[in-house]
Amino acid sequence: MTTKRTGLGQAVEAALGEVGAHVRGEVELPCRVVVESSGKHIFSVRKRMKLSRQKFADRFGLDARAVQDWEQGRRVPDRAARVLLTVIDRDPQAVVRALSQ
């Protein structure tokens, strides 16, 4: 057995120290919130934009059938799709710009 600590071990130890400090309320750690996209929410975003399912899907690089399944509750968007839907909800032009470049 060795007493020498590896770089990975030191990084893990530091990370656990941060987590402990956060739990004790000593530090704030950054976080990202990804909204759970319910079918009703996806439907309302699309309707607010006055787009058909097909036009919504085409504009944002989505599959129209997937959008339909999400809206009707037959499927739940995966994490990547939820992130994209969150950006579409908050700043749809950012997605349009990114896809047009």
N, C-alpha and C. Protein backbone atom coordinates (compact mmCIF):
# COMPACT_ATOMS: atom_id res chain seq x y z
N MET A 1 0.84 -1.17 0.00
CA MET A 1 0.00 0.00 0.00
C MET A 1 0.89 1.24 0.00
N THR A 2 0.45 2.25 -0.70
CA THR A 2 1.22 3.48 -0.82
C THR A 2 0.49 4.64 -0.15
N THR A 3 1.22 5.59 0.33
CA THR A 3 0.60 6.78 0.94
C THR A 3 0.58 7.94 -0.03
N LYS A 4 1.14 7.74 -1.20
CA LYS A 4 1.18 8.80 -2.21
C LYS A 4 -0.21 8.92 -2.86
N ARG A 5 -0.73 10.15 -2.91
CA ARG A 5 -2.04 10.38 -3.50
C ARG A 5 -1.89 10.78 -4.96
N THR A 6 -2.76 10.27 -5.79
CA THR A 6 -2.74 10.59 -7.21
C THR A 6 -3.48 11.90 -7.45
N GLY A 7 -3.28 12.45 -8.62
CA GLY A 7 -4.00 13.67 -8.99
C GLY A 7 -5.50 13.46 -8.98
N LEU A 8 -5.93 12.30 -9.46
CA LEU A 8 -7.36 11.99 -9.46
C LEU A 8 -7.89 11.91 -8.03
N GLY A 9 -7.15 11.26 -7.16
CA GLY A 9 -7.56 11.15 -5.77
C GLY A 9 -7.67 12.52 -5.12
N GLN A 10 -6.73 13.40 -5.41
CA GLN A 10 -6.77 14.75 -4.85
C GLN A 10 -7.97 15.52 -5.39
N ALA A 11 -8.29 15.33 -6.68
CA ALA A 11 -9.44 16.02 -7.27
C ALA A 11 -10.74 15.53 -6.64
N VAL A 12 -10.84 14.22 -6.43
CA VAL A 12 -12.04 13.67 -5.80
C VAL A 12 -12.17 14.19 -4.36
N GLU A 13 -11.06 14.22 -3.64
CA GLU A 13 -11.08 14.73 -2.27
C GLU A 13 -11.52 16.19 -2.23
N ALA A 14 -11.03 17.00 -3.15
CA ALA A 14 -11.41 18.41 -3.21
C ALA A 14 -12.90 18.56 -3.53
N ALA A 15 -13.38 17.75 -4.49
CA ALA A 15 -14.79 17.81 -4.86
C ALA A 15 -15.69 17.43 -3.68
N LEU A 16 -15.29 16.39 -2.96
CA LEU A 16 -16.08 15.98 -1.79
C LEU A 16 -16.07 17.06 -0.71
N GLY A 17 -14.95 17.76 -0.59
CA GLY A 17 -14.88 18.88 0.35
C GLY A 17 -15.85 19.98 -0.03
N GLU A 18 -15.95 20.27 -1.34
CA GLU A 18 -16.91 21.27 -1.83
C GLU A 18 -18.34 20.85 -1.53
N VAL A 19 -18.65 19.59 -1.79
CA VAL A 19 -20.00 19.09 -1.54
C VAL A 19 -20.33 19.21 -0.06
N GLY A 20 -19.39 18.82 0.80
CA GLY A 20 -19.62 18.93 2.24
C GLY A 20 -19.87 20.37 2.67
N ALA A 21 -19.08 21.30 2.13
CA ALA A 21 -19.26 22.72 2.46
C ALA A 21 -20.61 23.21 1.97
N HIS A 22 -21.05 22.74 0.82
CA HIS A 22 -22.35 23.14 0.28
C HIS A 22 -23.47 22.61 1.19
N VAL A 23 -23.37 21.36 1.58
CA VAL A 23 -24.39 20.76 2.44
C VAL A 23 -24.47 21.50 3.78
N ARG A 24 -23.33 21.94 4.28
CA ARG A 24 -23.32 22.68 5.56
C ARG A 24 -23.74 24.13 5.38
N GLY A 25 -23.97 24.57 4.14
CA GLY A 25 -24.40 25.94 3.88
C GLY A 25 -23.27 26.94 3.86
N GLU A 26 -22.04 26.47 3.75
CA GLU A 26 -20.88 27.36 3.77
C GLU A 26 -20.58 27.97 2.40
N VAL A 27 -20.96 27.29 1.34
CA VAL A 27 -20.72 27.79 -0.02
C VAL A 27 -21.94 27.51 -0.89
N GLU A 28 -22.12 28.33 -1.90
CA GLU A 28 -23.15 28.10 -2.91
C GLU A 28 -22.48 27.50 -4.13
N LEU A 29 -23.02 26.43 -4.64
CA LEU A 29 -22.50 25.82 -5.86
C LEU A 29 -23.44 26.15 -7.01
N PRO A 30 -22.88 26.37 -8.21
CA PRO A 30 -23.74 26.67 -9.36
C PRO A 30 -24.58 25.45 -9.71
N CYS A 31 -25.76 25.71 -10.22
CA CYS A 31 -26.61 24.61 -10.67
C CYS A 31 -27.35 25.04 -11.93
N ARG A 32 -27.78 24.06 -12.66
CA ARG A 32 -28.57 24.29 -13.87
C ARG A 32 -29.90 23.60 -13.68
N VAL A 33 -30.96 24.31 -13.99
CA VAL A 33 -32.29 23.74 -13.85
C VAL A 33 -32.84 23.50 -15.24
N VAL A 34 -33.19 22.25 -15.49
CA VAL A 34 -33.83 21.89 -16.76
C VAL A 34 -35.27 21.55 -16.42
N VAL A 35 -36.16 22.31 -17.00
CA VAL A 35 -37.58 22.15 -16.70
C VAL A 35 -38.09 20.85 -17.31
N GLU A 36 -38.87 20.12 -16.53
CA GLU A 36 -39.53 18.94 -17.06
C GLU A 36 -40.57 19.43 -18.06
N SER A 37 -40.46 18.98 -19.28
CA SER A 37 -41.37 19.45 -20.33
C SER A 37 -42.57 18.52 -20.43
N SER A 38 -43.68 18.96 -19.88
CA SER A 38 -44.90 18.17 -19.99
C SER A 38 -45.50 18.40 -21.37
N GLY A 39 -46.36 17.50 -21.76
CA GLY A 39 -47.03 17.62 -23.06
C GLY A 39 -47.80 18.93 -23.18
N LYS A 40 -48.46 19.32 -22.09
CA LYS A 40 -49.23 20.57 -22.12
C LYS A 40 -48.31 21.77 -22.30
N HIS A 41 -47.15 21.72 -21.66
CA HIS A 41 -46.20 22.83 -21.78
C HIS A 41 -45.66 22.92 -23.20
N ILE A 42 -45.27 21.79 -23.77
CA ILE A 42 -44.75 21.78 -25.14
C ILE A 42 -45.82 22.30 -26.09
N PHE A 43 -47.05 21.84 -25.91
CA PHE A 43 -48.17 22.30 -26.74
C PHE A 43 -48.34 23.81 -26.62
N SER A 44 -48.27 24.34 -25.39
CA SER A 44 -48.48 25.78 -25.20
C SER A 44 -47.35 26.60 -25.82
N VAL A 45 -46.12 26.10 -25.75
CA VAL A 45 -44.99 26.80 -26.38
C VAL A 45 -45.21 26.85 -27.89
N ARG A 46 -45.59 25.72 -28.46
CA ARG A 46 -45.80 25.66 -29.92
C ARG A 46 -46.96 26.56 -30.34
N LYS A 47 -48.04 26.55 -29.58
CA LYS A 47 -49.20 27.38 -29.92
C LYS A 47 -48.88 28.86 -29.76
N ARG A 48 -48.09 29.20 -28.73
CA ARG A 48 -47.69 30.60 -28.53
C ARG A 48 -46.93 31.11 -29.76
N MET A 49 -46.19 30.23 -30.40
CA MET A 49 -45.42 30.60 -31.60
C MET A 49 -46.27 30.52 -32.87
N LYS A 50 -47.51 30.06 -32.70
CA LYS A 50 -48.45 29.93 -33.82
C LYS A 50 -47.88 29.06 -34.94
N LEU A 51 -47.34 27.89 -34.54
CA LEU A 51 -46.76 26.97 -35.49
C LEU A 51 -47.47 25.62 -35.43
N SER A 52 -47.65 25.02 -36.61
CA SER A 52 -48.15 23.65 -36.63
C SER A 52 -47.06 22.74 -36.08
N ARG A 53 -47.41 21.50 -35.78
CA ARG A 53 -46.38 20.56 -35.31
C ARG A 53 -45.25 20.43 -36.30
N GLN A 54 -45.62 20.29 -37.57
CA GLN A 54 -44.60 20.10 -38.61
C GLN A 54 -43.69 21.32 -38.72
N LYS A 55 -44.26 22.52 -38.71
CA LYS A 55 -43.44 23.73 -38.81
C LYS A 55 -42.57 23.92 -37.57
N PHE A 56 -43.11 23.61 -36.40
CA PHE A 56 -42.34 23.68 -35.16
C PHE A 56 -41.15 22.72 -35.25
N ALA A 57 -41.42 21.50 -35.65
CA ALA A 57 -40.37 20.49 -35.78
C ALA A 57 -39.32 20.92 -36.80
N ASP A 58 -39.75 21.40 -37.94
CA ASP A 58 -38.82 21.83 -38.99
C ASP A 58 -37.96 23.00 -38.52
N ARG A 59 -38.57 23.97 -37.87
CA ARG A 59 -37.83 25.15 -37.45
C ARG A 59 -36.74 24.82 -36.43
N PHE A 60 -37.02 23.85 -35.54
CA PHE A 60 -36.08 23.58 -34.45
C PHE A 60 -35.36 22.24 -34.57
N GLY A 61 -35.43 21.61 -35.73
CA GLY A 61 -34.68 20.38 -35.96
C GLY A 61 -35.20 19.18 -35.19
N LEU A 62 -36.51 19.13 -34.98
CA LEU A 62 -37.13 18.04 -34.24
C LEU A 62 -37.91 17.13 -35.18
N ASP A 63 -38.25 15.96 -34.71
CA ASP A 63 -39.09 15.04 -35.46
C ASP A 63 -40.54 15.35 -35.13
N ALA A 64 -41.36 15.58 -36.15
CA ALA A 64 -42.76 15.97 -35.93
C ALA A 64 -43.52 14.89 -35.16
N ARG A 65 -43.21 13.64 -35.42
CA ARG A 65 -43.89 12.54 -34.71
C ARG A 65 -43.52 12.55 -33.22
N ALA A 66 -42.26 12.86 -32.94
CA ALA A 66 -41.83 12.95 -31.54
C ALA A 66 -42.57 14.08 -30.84
N VAL A 67 -42.70 15.23 -31.50
CA VAL A 67 -43.43 16.36 -30.91
C VAL A 67 -44.86 15.94 -30.62
N GLN A 68 -45.49 15.25 -31.57
CA GLN A 68 -46.86 14.77 -31.36
C GLN A 68 -46.94 13.83 -30.17
N ASP A 69 -46.02 12.88 -30.10
CA ASP A 69 -46.02 11.92 -28.98
C ASP A 69 -45.78 12.60 -27.65
N TRP A 70 -44.91 13.62 -27.61
CA TRP A 70 -44.66 14.37 -26.38
C TRP A 70 -45.93 15.10 -25.94
N GLU A 71 -46.54 15.79 -26.89
CA GLU A 71 -47.73 16.57 -26.57
C GLU A 71 -48.89 15.69 -26.09
N GLN A 72 -48.99 14.51 -26.65
CA GLN A 72 -50.09 13.62 -26.29
C GLN A 72 -49.75 12.69 -25.13
N GLY A 73 -48.55 12.85 -24.57
CA GLY A 73 -48.18 12.08 -23.39
C GLY A 73 -47.79 10.63 -23.66
N ARG A 74 -47.59 10.27 -24.91
CA ARG A 74 -47.17 8.90 -25.22
C ARG A 74 -45.69 8.67 -24.99
N ARG A 75 -44.92 9.76 -25.06
CA ARG A 75 -43.48 9.69 -24.81
C ARG A 75 -43.07 10.91 -24.01
N VAL A 76 -41.92 10.80 -23.35
CA VAL A 76 -41.35 11.91 -22.59
C VAL A 76 -40.03 12.28 -23.26
N PRO A 77 -39.79 13.58 -23.50
CA PRO A 77 -38.52 13.98 -24.12
C PRO A 77 -37.34 13.55 -23.25
N ASP A 78 -36.26 13.11 -23.91
CA ASP A 78 -35.05 12.79 -23.14
C ASP A 78 -34.40 14.07 -22.68
N ARG A 79 -33.33 13.95 -21.91
CA ARG A 79 -32.69 15.12 -21.30
C ARG A 79 -32.25 16.14 -22.35
N ALA A 80 -31.63 15.67 -23.42
CA ALA A 80 -31.16 16.61 -24.47
C ALA A 80 -32.34 17.35 -25.08
N ALA A 81 -33.43 16.64 -25.34
CA ALA A 81 -34.61 17.29 -25.92
C ALA A 81 -35.21 18.28 -24.93
N ARG A 82 -35.21 17.94 -23.62
CA ARG A 82 -35.73 18.88 -22.61
C ARG A 82 -34.90 20.15 -22.56
N VAL A 83 -33.58 20.01 -22.68
CA VAL A 83 -32.72 21.19 -22.70
C VAL A 83 -33.06 22.05 -23.92
N LEU A 84 -33.16 21.41 -25.08
CA LEU A 84 -33.51 22.15 -26.30
C LEU A 84 -34.87 22.82 -26.15
N LEU A 85 -35.85 22.11 -25.62
CA LEU A 85 -37.18 22.69 -25.44
C LEU A 85 -37.16 23.86 -24.47
N THR A 86 -36.31 23.79 -23.45
CA THR A 86 -36.17 24.90 -22.51
C THR A 86 -35.63 26.13 -23.22
N VAL A 87 -34.61 25.95 -24.06
CA VAL A 87 -34.05 27.08 -24.81
C VAL A 87 -35.08 27.61 -25.81
N ILE A 88 -35.80 26.72 -26.47
CA ILE A 88 -36.85 27.16 -27.40
C ILE A 88 -37.88 28.01 -26.67
N ASP A 89 -38.26 27.59 -25.48
CA ASP A 89 -39.25 28.33 -24.69
C ASP A 89 -38.73 29.70 -24.30
N ARG A 90 -37.46 29.79 -23.90
CA ARG A 90 -36.90 31.05 -23.38
C ARG A 90 -36.36 31.97 -24.46
N ASP A 91 -35.75 31.40 -25.50
CA ASP A 91 -35.13 32.23 -26.55
C ASP A 91 -35.12 31.47 -27.87
N PRO A 92 -36.28 31.35 -28.50
CA PRO A 92 -36.36 30.55 -29.73
C PRO A 92 -35.43 31.04 -30.84
N GLN A 93 -35.20 32.35 -30.88
CA GLN A 93 -34.33 32.87 -31.94
C GLN A 93 -32.89 32.40 -31.78
N ALA A 94 -32.47 32.12 -30.56
CA ALA A 94 -31.11 31.59 -30.35
C ALA A 94 -30.97 30.25 -31.04
N VAL A 95 -32.00 29.41 -30.96
CA VAL A 95 -31.97 28.10 -31.61
C VAL A 95 -31.99 28.28 -33.13
N VAL A 96 -32.86 29.17 -33.60
CA VAL A 96 -32.95 29.42 -35.05
C VAL A 96 -31.61 29.91 -35.57
N ARG A 97 -30.97 30.85 -34.85
CA ARG A 97 -29.65 31.35 -35.28
C ARG A 97 -28.60 30.24 -35.29
N ALA A 98 -28.61 29.43 -34.25
CA ALA A 98 -27.60 28.37 -34.15
C ALA A 98 -27.78 27.34 -35.27
N LEU A 99 -29.02 27.04 -35.62
CA LEU A 99 -29.26 26.04 -36.66
C LEU A 99 -29.04 26.59 -38.06
N SER A 100 -29.06 27.90 -38.22
CA SER A 100 -28.91 28.48 -39.56
C SER A 100 -27.45 28.77 -39.90
N GLN A 101 -26.55 28.60 -38.95
CA GLN A 101 -25.13 28.92 -39.20
C GLN A 101 -24.40 27.73 -39.77
